[in-house]
């Protein structure tokens, strides 16, 4: 593993902790844009430019465009449209969230060291980052009340799944095809969620998902 790859993974882990600590929705979207770019670059530097064909390089460019620009751009527009800047009342506080993130990181190290998987050389840290990112995505979906933050948790979960695939595979052509299909589904899901956010905000003047409990048949 090169120093560049290690720096990318460290930045990804920092983005996870920052997302757990951030109260501002715009900041969360920017953190997710950074994380999407870092996750997209990980296989590129992990496997080396020389071992990739032109098709794989085009795929990585599309990944950076979708994960780093397109999806965060849609989320940014959704946040601006609903005119809500902060997550006011999370189910779990921010200090506790940071502590939970550190516990997830330690647990990921423990899992990676005890699973005894036949990982390719230098892929241990990728798997640690992947498990931490996926667990943090689950945590955000459960610990936050705003729908937009839960969408961001879903995106983080998808980033973790992608990194797990990167860590466990040597030849990733099949992974790229599957991931691109997942990204298209994810993109559609984000667009639909934008419509739902607008409708929730129009009905309740807020995007707190706990308000949905007021709905009756």
N, C-alpha and C. Protein backbone atom coordinates (compact mmCIF):
# COMPACT_ATOMS: atom_id res chain seq x y z
N UNK A 1 0.84 -1.20 0.00
CA UNK A 1 0.00 0.00 0.00
C UNK A 1 0.88 1.25 0.00
N UNK A 2 0.57 2.21 -0.88
CA UNK A 2 1.38 3.42 -0.98
C UNK A 2 0.97 4.43 0.08
N UNK A 3 1.84 5.42 0.24
CA UNK A 3 1.53 6.49 1.19
C UNK A 3 0.29 7.27 0.78
N UNK A 4 0.10 7.42 -0.53
CA UNK A 4 -1.08 8.15 -1.02
C UNK A 4 -2.35 7.41 -0.61
N UNK A 5 -2.35 6.08 -0.76
CA UNK A 5 -3.52 5.29 -0.38
C UNK A 5 -3.79 5.42 1.11
N UNK A 6 -2.76 5.38 1.92
CA UNK A 6 -2.93 5.53 3.36
C UNK A 6 -3.52 6.89 3.70
N UNK A 7 -3.05 7.94 3.03
CA UNK A 7 -3.60 9.27 3.28
C UNK A 7 -5.07 9.35 2.89
N UNK A 8 -5.42 8.71 1.78
CA UNK A 8 -6.82 8.70 1.33
C UNK A 8 -7.70 8.01 2.36
N UNK A 9 -7.23 6.88 2.89
CA UNK A 9 -8.02 6.14 3.88
C UNK A 9 -8.14 6.92 5.19
N UNK A 10 -7.07 7.60 5.58
CA UNK A 10 -7.13 8.43 6.80
C UNK A 10 -8.13 9.55 6.63
N UNK A 11 -8.12 10.20 5.46
CA UNK A 11 -9.08 11.28 5.20
C UNK A 11 -10.51 10.74 5.22
N UNK A 12 -10.69 9.52 4.69
CA UNK A 12 -12.02 8.90 4.71
C UNK A 12 -12.49 8.68 6.14
N UNK A 13 -11.60 8.16 6.99
CA UNK A 13 -11.95 7.94 8.40
C UNK A 13 -12.25 9.27 9.11
N UNK A 14 -11.47 10.30 8.81
CA UNK A 14 -11.73 11.61 9.41
C UNK A 14 -13.08 12.16 8.95
N UNK A 15 -13.42 11.92 7.69
CA UNK A 15 -14.73 12.38 7.19
C UNK A 15 -15.87 11.68 7.91
N UNK A 16 -15.66 10.42 8.29
CA UNK A 16 -16.68 9.68 9.04
C UNK A 16 -16.88 10.32 10.41
N UNK A 17 -15.79 10.61 11.11
CA UNK A 17 -15.89 11.22 12.44
C UNK A 17 -16.47 12.63 12.36
N UNK A 18 -16.10 13.38 11.33
CA UNK A 18 -16.63 14.73 11.16
C UNK A 18 -18.12 14.70 10.89
N UNK A 19 -18.56 13.73 10.12
CA UNK A 19 -19.99 13.63 9.82
C UNK A 19 -20.80 13.31 11.08
N UNK A 20 -20.21 12.54 11.99
CA UNK A 20 -20.90 12.24 13.24
C UNK A 20 -20.95 13.43 14.17
N UNK A 21 -19.99 14.36 14.00
CA UNK A 21 -19.91 15.52 14.89
C UNK A 21 -20.59 16.76 14.33
N UNK A 22 -20.92 16.75 13.06
CA UNK A 22 -21.42 17.96 12.41
C UNK A 22 -22.91 18.17 12.66
N UNK A 23 -23.27 19.41 12.96
CA UNK A 23 -24.67 19.78 13.14
C UNK A 23 -25.24 20.47 11.91
N UNK A 24 -24.40 21.01 11.06
CA UNK A 24 -24.84 21.77 9.90
C UNK A 24 -25.04 20.84 8.71
N UNK A 25 -26.19 20.93 8.07
CA UNK A 25 -26.50 20.05 6.96
C UNK A 25 -25.62 20.33 5.74
N UNK A 26 -25.34 21.60 5.48
CA UNK A 26 -24.48 21.94 4.34
C UNK A 26 -23.08 21.37 4.55
N UNK A 27 -22.58 21.45 5.78
CA UNK A 27 -21.27 20.87 6.08
C UNK A 27 -21.28 19.37 5.87
N UNK A 28 -22.39 18.71 6.24
CA UNK A 28 -22.51 17.27 6.03
C UNK A 28 -22.45 16.91 4.56
N UNK A 29 -23.12 17.70 3.74
CA UNK A 29 -23.11 17.44 2.29
C UNK A 29 -21.69 17.59 1.75
N UNK A 30 -20.97 18.61 2.20
CA UNK A 30 -19.59 18.82 1.74
C UNK A 30 -18.68 17.69 2.20
N UNK A 31 -18.90 17.22 3.42
CA UNK A 31 -18.11 16.09 3.93
C UNK A 31 -18.37 14.85 3.09
N UNK A 32 -19.63 14.63 2.71
CA UNK A 32 -19.96 13.48 1.88
C UNK A 32 -19.37 13.58 0.49
N UNK A 33 -19.28 14.82 -0.04
CA UNK A 33 -18.64 15.01 -1.35
C UNK A 33 -17.16 14.63 -1.27
N UNK A 34 -16.49 15.08 -0.20
CA UNK A 34 -15.08 14.73 0.00
C UNK A 34 -14.93 13.22 0.16
N UNK A 35 -15.80 12.61 0.98
CA UNK A 35 -15.71 11.17 1.20
C UNK A 35 -15.95 10.39 -0.10
N UNK A 36 -16.91 10.85 -0.90
CA UNK A 36 -17.18 10.19 -2.17
C UNK A 36 -15.98 10.21 -3.09
N UNK A 37 -15.28 11.33 -3.13
CA UNK A 37 -14.07 11.42 -3.97
C UNK A 37 -12.98 10.50 -3.44
N UNK A 38 -12.77 10.51 -2.12
CA UNK A 38 -11.74 9.66 -1.53
C UNK A 38 -12.02 8.17 -1.77
N UNK A 39 -13.28 7.78 -1.59
CA UNK A 39 -13.66 6.38 -1.80
C UNK A 39 -13.46 5.98 -3.26
N UNK A 40 -13.77 6.90 -4.17
CA UNK A 40 -13.61 6.61 -5.59
C UNK A 40 -12.15 6.48 -5.99
N UNK A 41 -11.28 7.22 -5.30
CA UNK A 41 -9.85 7.19 -5.62
C UNK A 41 -9.14 5.99 -5.00
N UNK A 42 -9.71 5.39 -3.96
CA UNK A 42 -9.03 4.31 -3.24
C UNK A 42 -8.61 3.16 -4.14
N UNK A 43 -9.50 2.57 -4.96
CA UNK A 43 -9.05 1.45 -5.82
C UNK A 43 -8.02 1.88 -6.85
N UNK A 44 -8.11 3.13 -7.29
CA UNK A 44 -7.19 3.63 -8.31
C UNK A 44 -5.75 3.62 -7.82
N UNK A 45 -5.52 4.08 -6.58
CA UNK A 45 -4.17 4.11 -6.04
C UNK A 45 -3.80 2.78 -5.38
N UNK A 46 -4.80 2.02 -4.95
CA UNK A 46 -4.52 0.73 -4.32
C UNK A 46 -4.00 -0.28 -5.33
N UNK A 47 -4.60 -0.28 -6.51
CA UNK A 47 -4.23 -1.26 -7.54
C UNK A 47 -3.19 -0.72 -8.51
N UNK A 48 -3.00 0.62 -8.56
CA UNK A 48 -1.99 1.20 -9.41
C UNK A 48 -2.53 1.54 -10.79
N UNK A 49 -2.08 2.67 -11.33
CA UNK A 49 -2.55 3.11 -12.63
C UNK A 49 -2.17 2.13 -13.74
N UNK A 50 -0.96 1.55 -13.61
CA UNK A 50 -0.45 0.73 -14.70
C UNK A 50 -1.22 -0.57 -14.88
N UNK A 51 -1.90 -1.05 -13.85
CA UNK A 51 -2.63 -2.31 -13.93
C UNK A 51 -4.07 -2.14 -14.40
N UNK A 52 -4.47 -0.89 -14.68
CA UNK A 52 -5.84 -0.62 -15.07
C UNK A 52 -5.91 -0.27 -16.55
N UNK A 53 -6.94 -0.78 -17.20
CA UNK A 53 -7.16 -0.45 -18.59
C UNK A 53 -7.89 0.87 -18.74
N UNK A 54 -8.10 1.27 -19.99
CA UNK A 54 -8.77 2.54 -20.25
C UNK A 54 -10.22 2.52 -19.77
N UNK A 55 -10.87 1.34 -19.87
CA UNK A 55 -12.25 1.23 -19.41
C UNK A 55 -12.37 1.46 -17.92
N UNK A 56 -11.41 0.90 -17.14
CA UNK A 56 -11.43 1.09 -15.69
C UNK A 56 -11.19 2.55 -15.32
N UNK A 57 -10.29 3.21 -16.04
CA UNK A 57 -10.01 4.62 -15.76
C UNK A 57 -11.24 5.48 -16.03
N UNK A 58 -11.96 5.17 -17.11
CA UNK A 58 -13.21 5.90 -17.40
C UNK A 58 -14.22 5.67 -16.29
N UNK A 59 -14.27 4.42 -15.80
CA UNK A 59 -15.19 4.10 -14.71
C UNK A 59 -14.87 4.93 -13.48
N UNK A 60 -13.59 5.06 -13.13
CA UNK A 60 -13.22 5.83 -11.95
C UNK A 60 -13.58 7.30 -12.12
N UNK A 61 -13.44 7.82 -13.34
CA UNK A 61 -13.82 9.21 -13.58
C UNK A 61 -15.33 9.40 -13.38
N UNK A 62 -16.11 8.42 -13.84
CA UNK A 62 -17.56 8.48 -13.63
C UNK A 62 -17.90 8.38 -12.14
N UNK A 63 -17.15 7.52 -11.43
CA UNK A 63 -17.38 7.37 -10.00
C UNK A 63 -17.16 8.69 -9.27
N UNK A 64 -16.06 9.37 -9.59
CA UNK A 64 -15.76 10.64 -8.95
C UNK A 64 -16.82 11.67 -9.29
N UNK A 65 -17.27 11.67 -10.55
CA UNK A 65 -18.31 12.60 -10.97
C UNK A 65 -19.61 12.37 -10.21
N UNK A 66 -20.01 11.10 -10.08
CA UNK A 66 -21.30 10.79 -9.44
C UNK A 66 -21.21 10.93 -7.92
N UNK A 67 -20.19 10.27 -7.32
CA UNK A 67 -20.07 10.28 -5.86
C UNK A 67 -19.63 11.63 -5.31
N UNK A 68 -18.75 12.32 -6.04
CA UNK A 68 -18.16 13.55 -5.53
C UNK A 68 -18.87 14.82 -5.95
N UNK A 69 -19.63 14.77 -7.05
CA UNK A 69 -20.24 15.99 -7.57
C UNK A 69 -21.75 15.88 -7.74
N UNK A 70 -22.21 14.87 -8.49
CA UNK A 70 -23.62 14.82 -8.85
C UNK A 70 -24.53 14.58 -7.65
N UNK A 71 -24.29 13.50 -6.91
CA UNK A 71 -25.15 13.19 -5.76
C UNK A 71 -25.04 14.26 -4.67
N UNK A 72 -23.82 14.71 -4.27
CA UNK A 72 -23.76 15.81 -3.30
C UNK A 72 -24.43 17.09 -3.83
N UNK A 73 -24.35 17.32 -5.15
CA UNK A 73 -25.01 18.49 -5.72
C UNK A 73 -26.52 18.43 -5.56
N UNK A 74 -27.09 17.25 -5.78
CA UNK A 74 -28.53 17.07 -5.58
C UNK A 74 -28.92 17.27 -4.11
N UNK A 75 -28.08 16.75 -3.21
CA UNK A 75 -28.35 16.94 -1.79
C UNK A 75 -28.24 18.41 -1.39
N UNK A 76 -27.26 19.10 -1.97
CA UNK A 76 -27.08 20.53 -1.68
C UNK A 76 -28.32 21.32 -2.09
N UNK A 77 -28.84 21.00 -3.27
CA UNK A 77 -30.04 21.69 -3.74
C UNK A 77 -31.23 21.37 -2.85
N UNK A 78 -31.31 20.11 -2.37
CA UNK A 78 -32.41 19.72 -1.48
C UNK A 78 -32.33 20.49 -0.16
N UNK A 79 -31.11 20.63 0.39
CA UNK A 79 -30.94 21.36 1.65
C UNK A 79 -31.31 22.83 1.47
N UNK A 80 -30.88 23.43 0.36
CA UNK A 80 -31.22 24.82 0.10
C UNK A 80 -32.72 25.01 -0.07
N UNK A 81 -33.36 24.03 -0.69
CA UNK A 81 -34.79 24.15 -0.98
C UNK A 81 -35.64 24.06 0.29
N UNK A 82 -35.23 23.19 1.21
CA UNK A 82 -36.03 23.04 2.43
C UNK A 82 -35.68 24.10 3.46
N UNK A 83 -34.59 24.84 3.22
CA UNK A 83 -34.22 26.00 4.06
C UNK A 83 -34.06 25.62 5.53
N UNK A 84 -33.50 24.45 5.80
CA UNK A 84 -33.18 24.03 7.17
C UNK A 84 -31.68 23.83 7.25
N UNK A 85 -31.03 24.49 8.20
CA UNK A 85 -29.58 24.52 8.23
C UNK A 85 -28.97 23.51 9.19
N UNK A 86 -29.69 23.14 10.26
CA UNK A 86 -29.08 22.33 11.30
C UNK A 86 -29.96 21.14 11.69
N UNK A 87 -29.29 20.11 12.19
CA UNK A 87 -29.98 19.00 12.86
C UNK A 87 -30.10 19.40 14.33
N UNK A 88 -31.33 19.77 14.76
CA UNK A 88 -31.51 20.38 16.07
C UNK A 88 -31.59 19.35 17.18
N UNK A 89 -32.41 18.32 17.00
CA UNK A 89 -32.66 17.37 18.07
C UNK A 89 -32.39 15.93 17.59
N UNK A 90 -31.14 15.54 17.52
CA UNK A 90 -30.84 14.16 17.14
C UNK A 90 -31.26 13.18 18.23
N UNK A 91 -31.50 11.95 17.84
CA UNK A 91 -31.86 10.94 18.83
C UNK A 91 -30.69 10.64 19.77
N UNK A 92 -29.47 10.74 19.24
CA UNK A 92 -28.24 10.54 20.03
C UNK A 92 -27.38 11.77 19.87
N UNK A 93 -26.89 12.32 20.99
CA UNK A 93 -26.12 13.55 20.97
C UNK A 93 -24.82 13.44 20.19
N UNK A 94 -24.22 14.60 19.91
CA UNK A 94 -23.03 14.64 19.05
C UNK A 94 -21.78 14.13 19.76
N UNK A 95 -21.64 14.42 21.04
CA UNK A 95 -20.48 13.89 21.77
C UNK A 95 -20.56 12.36 21.86
N UNK A 96 -21.76 11.87 22.12
CA UNK A 96 -21.95 10.42 22.15
C UNK A 96 -21.74 9.81 20.77
N UNK A 97 -22.09 10.55 19.72
CA UNK A 97 -21.90 10.06 18.36
C UNK A 97 -20.42 9.91 18.02
N UNK A 98 -19.62 10.89 18.44
CA UNK A 98 -18.17 10.81 18.21
C UNK A 98 -17.59 9.61 18.94
N UNK A 99 -18.01 9.43 20.19
CA UNK A 99 -17.55 8.28 20.97
C UNK A 99 -17.96 6.98 20.28
N UNK A 100 -19.18 6.93 19.76
CA UNK A 100 -19.63 5.74 19.04
C UNK A 100 -18.77 5.50 17.79
N UNK A 101 -18.38 6.59 17.12
CA UNK A 101 -17.52 6.46 15.94
C UNK A 101 -16.17 5.86 16.29
N UNK A 102 -15.59 6.29 17.42
CA UNK A 102 -14.31 5.73 17.85
C UNK A 102 -14.44 4.26 18.22
N UNK A 103 -15.57 3.91 18.85
CA UNK A 103 -15.83 2.51 19.19
C UNK A 103 -15.96 1.68 17.92
N UNK A 104 -16.64 2.22 16.91
CA UNK A 104 -16.77 1.52 15.62
C UNK A 104 -15.40 1.28 14.99
N UNK A 105 -14.52 2.28 15.09
CA UNK A 105 -13.19 2.14 14.52
C UNK A 105 -12.40 1.03 15.23
N UNK A 106 -12.45 1.03 16.55
CA UNK A 106 -11.75 -0.01 17.32
C UNK A 106 -12.33 -1.38 17.03
N UNK A 107 -13.65 -1.45 16.94
CA UNK A 107 -14.33 -2.71 16.64
C UNK A 107 -13.97 -3.20 15.25
N UNK A 108 -13.80 -2.28 14.31
CA UNK A 108 -13.41 -2.65 12.95
C UNK A 108 -12.00 -3.25 12.92
N UNK A 109 -11.10 -2.66 13.70
CA UNK A 109 -9.74 -3.21 13.81
C UNK A 109 -9.80 -4.62 14.40
N UNK A 110 -10.62 -4.79 15.43
CA UNK A 110 -10.76 -6.10 16.07
C UNK A 110 -11.31 -7.14 15.08
N UNK A 111 -12.36 -6.76 14.35
CA UNK A 111 -12.96 -7.69 13.39
C UNK A 111 -11.96 -8.08 12.31
N UNK A 112 -11.26 -7.09 11.76
CA UNK A 112 -10.32 -7.34 10.68
C UNK A 112 -9.18 -8.25 11.13
N UNK A 113 -8.72 -8.07 12.36
CA UNK A 113 -7.59 -8.87 12.85
C UNK A 113 -8.00 -10.29 13.24
N UNK A 114 -9.30 -10.52 13.49
CA UNK A 114 -9.74 -11.83 13.96
C UNK A 114 -10.52 -12.63 12.92
N UNK A 115 -10.91 -12.00 11.83
CA UNK A 115 -11.62 -12.75 10.79
C UNK A 115 -10.71 -13.70 10.03
N UNK A 116 -9.41 -13.35 10.00
CA UNK A 116 -8.41 -14.15 9.29
C UNK A 116 -8.80 -14.39 7.83
N UNK A 117 -9.26 -13.30 7.20
CA UNK A 117 -9.59 -13.40 5.79
C UNK A 117 -8.32 -13.40 4.96
N UNK A 118 -8.36 -14.05 3.82
CA UNK A 118 -7.21 -14.07 2.91
C UNK A 118 -7.23 -12.80 2.06
N UNK A 119 -6.92 -11.69 2.70
CA UNK A 119 -6.94 -10.41 2.01
C UNK A 119 -5.70 -10.24 1.15
N UNK A 120 -5.82 -9.56 0.01
CA UNK A 120 -4.63 -9.21 -0.75
C UNK A 120 -3.70 -8.34 0.09
N UNK A 121 -2.45 -8.33 -0.25
CA UNK A 121 -1.45 -7.58 0.53
C UNK A 121 -1.82 -6.10 0.62
N UNK A 122 -1.76 -5.56 1.83
CA UNK A 122 -2.01 -4.13 2.04
C UNK A 122 -3.46 -3.73 2.09
N UNK A 123 -4.38 -4.71 2.10
CA UNK A 123 -5.80 -4.38 2.08
C UNK A 123 -6.43 -4.35 3.47
N UNK A 124 -5.66 -4.59 4.51
CA UNK A 124 -6.23 -4.62 5.86
C UNK A 124 -6.84 -3.28 6.25
N UNK A 125 -6.11 -2.20 5.99
CA UNK A 125 -6.61 -0.88 6.38
C UNK A 125 -7.83 -0.49 5.56
N UNK A 126 -7.89 -0.97 4.32
CA UNK A 126 -9.07 -0.70 3.49
C UNK A 126 -10.31 -1.33 4.13
N UNK A 127 -10.16 -2.57 4.61
CA UNK A 127 -11.29 -3.25 5.24
C UNK A 127 -11.68 -2.57 6.54
N UNK A 128 -10.70 -2.11 7.32
CA UNK A 128 -10.99 -1.38 8.56
C UNK A 128 -11.79 -0.11 8.25
N UNK A 129 -11.33 0.63 7.25
CA UNK A 129 -12.04 1.85 6.84
C UNK A 129 -13.44 1.53 6.34
N UNK A 130 -13.56 0.43 5.60
CA UNK A 130 -14.85 0.05 5.02
C UNK A 130 -15.86 -0.28 6.11
N UNK A 131 -15.46 -1.11 7.07
CA UNK A 131 -16.38 -1.51 8.15
C UNK A 131 -16.79 -0.30 8.99
N UNK A 132 -15.83 0.58 9.28
CA UNK A 132 -16.14 1.79 10.05
C UNK A 132 -17.12 2.68 9.30
N UNK A 133 -16.88 2.87 8.01
CA UNK A 133 -17.76 3.73 7.20
C UNK A 133 -19.16 3.15 7.11
N UNK A 134 -19.27 1.84 6.89
CA UNK A 134 -20.58 1.21 6.78
C UNK A 134 -21.33 1.29 8.11
N UNK A 135 -20.64 1.02 9.22
CA UNK A 135 -21.27 1.09 10.54
C UNK A 135 -21.72 2.51 10.86
N UNK A 136 -20.90 3.50 10.50
CA UNK A 136 -21.27 4.90 10.75
C UNK A 136 -22.48 5.30 9.92
N UNK A 137 -22.59 4.76 8.70
CA UNK A 137 -23.77 5.03 7.89
C UNK A 137 -25.03 4.51 8.54
N UNK A 138 -24.98 3.28 9.05
CA UNK A 138 -26.11 2.73 9.80
C UNK A 138 -26.44 3.61 11.00
N UNK A 139 -25.39 4.05 11.70
CA UNK A 139 -25.59 4.85 12.90
C UNK A 139 -26.28 6.17 12.57
N UNK A 140 -25.85 6.85 11.51
CA UNK A 140 -26.48 8.11 11.13
C UNK A 140 -27.95 7.92 10.78
N UNK A 141 -28.25 6.83 10.09
CA UNK A 141 -29.64 6.57 9.72
C UNK A 141 -30.53 6.38 10.94
N UNK A 142 -29.98 5.82 12.00
CA UNK A 142 -30.77 5.55 13.20
C UNK A 142 -30.73 6.69 14.22
N UNK A 143 -29.62 7.45 14.26
CA UNK A 143 -29.40 8.41 15.33
C UNK A 143 -29.86 9.82 15.00
N UNK A 144 -30.24 10.09 13.77
CA UNK A 144 -30.64 11.43 13.37
C UNK A 144 -32.11 11.45 13.00
N UNK A 145 -32.75 12.60 13.23
CA UNK A 145 -34.19 12.70 12.98
C UNK A 145 -34.51 13.34 11.63
N UNK A 146 -33.60 14.14 11.08
CA UNK A 146 -33.86 14.79 9.80
C UNK A 146 -33.70 13.79 8.65
N UNK A 147 -34.63 13.83 7.72
CA UNK A 147 -34.60 12.91 6.59
C UNK A 147 -33.34 13.10 5.75
N UNK A 148 -32.89 14.34 5.60
CA UNK A 148 -31.72 14.60 4.76
C UNK A 148 -30.48 13.97 5.38
N UNK A 149 -30.37 13.97 6.71
CA UNK A 149 -29.23 13.35 7.37
C UNK A 149 -29.28 11.83 7.24
N UNK A 150 -30.48 11.28 7.24
CA UNK A 150 -30.62 9.84 7.06
C UNK A 150 -30.24 9.43 5.64
N UNK A 151 -30.53 10.29 4.65
CA UNK A 151 -30.08 10.03 3.28
C UNK A 151 -28.57 10.01 3.22
N UNK A 152 -27.93 10.95 3.91
CA UNK A 152 -26.47 11.00 3.95
C UNK A 152 -25.92 9.74 4.60
N UNK A 153 -26.58 9.26 5.65
CA UNK A 153 -26.18 8.00 6.26
C UNK A 153 -26.27 6.84 5.27
N UNK A 154 -27.31 6.84 4.45
CA UNK A 154 -27.47 5.81 3.42
C UNK A 154 -26.33 5.87 2.41
N UNK A 155 -25.94 7.08 2.01
CA UNK A 155 -24.82 7.24 1.08
C UNK A 155 -23.52 6.75 1.70
N UNK A 156 -23.32 7.04 2.98
CA UNK A 156 -22.13 6.57 3.67
C UNK A 156 -22.11 5.05 3.76
N UNK A 157 -23.27 4.45 4.00
CA UNK A 157 -23.38 3.00 4.00
C UNK A 157 -22.96 2.42 2.66
N UNK A 158 -23.38 3.04 1.57
CA UNK A 158 -23.02 2.57 0.24
C UNK A 158 -21.52 2.71 0.00
N UNK A 159 -20.93 3.79 0.50
CA UNK A 159 -19.47 3.96 0.38
C UNK A 159 -18.74 2.84 1.10
N UNK A 160 -19.24 2.47 2.29
CA UNK A 160 -18.61 1.37 3.04
C UNK A 160 -18.72 0.05 2.30
N UNK A 161 -19.87 -0.21 1.69
CA UNK A 161 -20.04 -1.46 0.93
C UNK A 161 -19.07 -1.50 -0.25
N UNK A 162 -18.90 -0.37 -0.91
CA UNK A 162 -17.97 -0.31 -2.03
C UNK A 162 -16.54 -0.58 -1.58
N UNK A 163 -16.14 -0.01 -0.44
CA UNK A 163 -14.79 -0.23 0.07
C UNK A 163 -14.57 -1.68 0.49
N UNK A 164 -15.63 -2.33 1.02
CA UNK A 164 -15.51 -3.74 1.37
C UNK A 164 -15.25 -4.56 0.11
N UNK A 165 -15.97 -4.27 -0.96
CA UNK A 165 -15.72 -4.95 -2.23
C UNK A 165 -14.31 -4.71 -2.74
N UNK A 166 -13.81 -3.49 -2.57
CA UNK A 166 -12.45 -3.16 -2.98
C UNK A 166 -11.43 -3.94 -2.18
N UNK A 167 -11.67 -4.08 -0.87
CA UNK A 167 -10.72 -4.77 0.00
C UNK A 167 -10.67 -6.27 -0.27
N UNK A 168 -11.80 -6.86 -0.65
CA UNK A 168 -11.88 -8.31 -0.74
C UNK A 168 -11.59 -8.86 -2.13
N UNK A 169 -11.46 -8.00 -3.12
CA UNK A 169 -11.26 -8.49 -4.48
C UNK A 169 -9.89 -8.10 -5.02
N UNK A 170 -9.32 -9.02 -5.78
CA UNK A 170 -8.08 -8.73 -6.49
C UNK A 170 -8.37 -8.21 -7.90
N UNK A 171 -9.27 -8.87 -8.58
CA UNK A 171 -9.64 -8.47 -9.93
C UNK A 171 -11.04 -7.88 -9.86
N UNK A 172 -11.14 -6.58 -10.09
CA UNK A 172 -12.36 -5.86 -9.74
C UNK A 172 -13.22 -5.46 -10.93
N UNK A 173 -13.00 -6.06 -12.12
CA UNK A 173 -13.84 -5.68 -13.25
C UNK A 173 -15.32 -5.95 -12.96
N UNK A 174 -15.60 -7.12 -12.39
CA UNK A 174 -16.99 -7.44 -12.06
C UNK A 174 -17.53 -6.49 -11.00
N UNK A 175 -16.68 -6.15 -10.03
CA UNK A 175 -17.09 -5.21 -8.98
C UNK A 175 -17.50 -3.87 -9.58
N UNK A 176 -16.76 -3.39 -10.58
CA UNK A 176 -17.06 -2.11 -11.17
C UNK A 176 -18.42 -2.11 -11.86
N UNK A 177 -18.72 -3.18 -12.57
CA UNK A 177 -20.02 -3.28 -13.25
C UNK A 177 -21.15 -3.26 -12.23
N UNK A 178 -21.00 -4.07 -11.16
CA UNK A 178 -22.03 -4.13 -10.12
C UNK A 178 -22.17 -2.79 -9.43
N UNK A 179 -21.03 -2.16 -9.10
CA UNK A 179 -21.06 -0.88 -8.40
C UNK A 179 -21.73 0.19 -9.25
N UNK A 180 -21.49 0.18 -10.54
CA UNK A 180 -22.11 1.19 -11.40
C UNK A 180 -23.63 1.01 -11.41
N UNK A 181 -24.08 -0.24 -11.42
CA UNK A 181 -25.51 -0.49 -11.33
C UNK A 181 -26.09 -0.01 -10.02
N UNK A 182 -25.35 -0.25 -8.92
CA UNK A 182 -25.79 0.22 -7.61
C UNK A 182 -25.85 1.74 -7.58
N UNK A 183 -24.85 2.40 -8.20
CA UNK A 183 -24.83 3.85 -8.22
C UNK A 183 -26.04 4.43 -8.96
N UNK A 184 -26.43 3.79 -10.05
CA UNK A 184 -27.60 4.27 -10.78
C UNK A 184 -28.85 4.16 -9.91
N UNK A 185 -28.98 3.03 -9.21
CA UNK A 185 -30.11 2.87 -8.29
C UNK A 185 -30.05 3.91 -7.18
N UNK A 186 -28.83 4.16 -6.69
CA UNK A 186 -28.64 5.13 -5.61
C UNK A 186 -29.02 6.53 -6.08
N UNK A 187 -28.63 6.85 -7.30
CA UNK A 187 -28.94 8.17 -7.85
C UNK A 187 -30.44 8.37 -7.96
N UNK A 188 -31.13 7.36 -8.45
CA UNK A 188 -32.60 7.42 -8.52
C UNK A 188 -33.18 7.57 -7.13
N UNK A 189 -32.63 6.81 -6.15
CA UNK A 189 -33.12 6.90 -4.79
C UNK A 189 -32.95 8.29 -4.20
N UNK A 190 -31.82 8.95 -4.47
CA UNK A 190 -31.59 10.30 -3.97
C UNK A 190 -32.57 11.28 -4.60
N UNK A 191 -32.84 11.11 -5.89
CA UNK A 191 -33.80 12.00 -6.57
C UNK A 191 -35.20 11.83 -5.98
N UNK A 192 -35.60 10.57 -5.74
CA UNK A 192 -36.90 10.32 -5.13
C UNK A 192 -36.96 10.89 -3.72
N UNK A 193 -35.85 10.73 -2.97
CA UNK A 193 -35.80 11.27 -1.61
C UNK A 193 -35.91 12.79 -1.62
N UNK A 194 -35.37 13.43 -2.66
CA UNK A 194 -35.52 14.88 -2.78
C UNK A 194 -36.98 15.29 -2.90
N UNK A 195 -37.74 14.50 -3.68
CA UNK A 195 -39.17 14.78 -3.81
C UNK A 195 -39.88 14.56 -2.47
N UNK A 196 -39.52 13.47 -1.78
CA UNK A 196 -40.13 13.19 -0.48
C UNK A 196 -39.81 14.29 0.52
N UNK A 197 -38.56 14.76 0.53
CA UNK A 197 -38.17 15.84 1.44
C UNK A 197 -39.01 17.08 1.18
N UNK A 198 -39.22 17.39 -0.09
CA UNK A 198 -40.01 18.57 -0.42
C UNK A 198 -41.44 18.42 0.07
N UNK A 199 -42.00 17.23 -0.11
CA UNK A 199 -43.37 17.00 0.32
C UNK A 199 -43.51 17.03 1.84
N UNK A 200 -42.54 16.43 2.55
CA UNK A 200 -42.57 16.48 4.02
C UNK A 200 -42.46 17.92 4.50
N UNK A 201 -41.56 18.68 3.90
CA UNK A 201 -41.38 20.07 4.31
C UNK A 201 -42.62 20.90 4.02
N UNK A 202 -43.30 20.62 2.90
CA UNK A 202 -44.51 21.36 2.57
C UNK A 202 -45.64 21.05 3.55
N UNK A 203 -45.71 19.79 3.98
CA UNK A 203 -46.81 19.38 4.86
C UNK A 203 -46.59 19.79 6.31
N UNK A 204 -45.34 19.73 6.77
CA UNK A 204 -45.07 19.95 8.20
C UNK A 204 -44.19 21.16 8.49
N UNK A 205 -43.69 21.83 7.44
CA UNK A 205 -42.72 22.92 7.61
C UNK A 205 -41.45 22.45 8.29
N UNK A 206 -41.13 21.19 8.14
CA UNK A 206 -39.92 20.60 8.73
C UNK A 206 -39.67 19.28 8.01
N UNK A 207 -38.46 18.73 8.20
CA UNK A 207 -38.15 17.42 7.60
C UNK A 207 -37.78 16.42 8.69
N UNK A 208 -38.32 16.63 9.87
CA UNK A 208 -38.11 15.69 10.97
C UNK A 208 -38.99 14.47 10.71
N UNK A 209 -38.36 13.29 10.57
CA UNK A 209 -39.12 12.09 10.23
C UNK A 209 -40.03 11.62 11.37
N UNK A 210 -39.80 12.10 12.58
CA UNK A 210 -40.69 11.72 13.68
C UNK A 210 -42.09 12.32 13.50
N UNK A 211 -42.17 13.37 12.68
CA UNK A 211 -43.48 13.97 12.41
C UNK A 211 -44.37 13.05 11.59
N UNK A 212 -43.77 12.08 10.92
CA UNK A 212 -44.56 11.15 10.11
C UNK A 212 -45.45 10.29 11.00
N UNK A 213 -45.13 10.23 12.29
CA UNK A 213 -45.97 9.47 13.20
C UNK A 213 -47.35 10.07 13.40
N UNK A 214 -47.51 11.33 12.96
CA UNK A 214 -48.81 11.96 13.08
C UNK A 214 -49.78 11.49 12.00
N UNK A 215 -49.24 10.89 10.93
CA UNK A 215 -50.08 10.46 9.83
C UNK A 215 -50.97 9.32 10.23
N UNK A 216 -52.20 9.32 9.79
CA UNK A 216 -53.14 8.26 10.07
C UNK A 216 -53.79 7.81 8.76
N UNK A 217 -54.32 6.57 8.78
CA UNK A 217 -55.00 6.05 7.59
C UNK A 217 -56.26 6.88 7.30
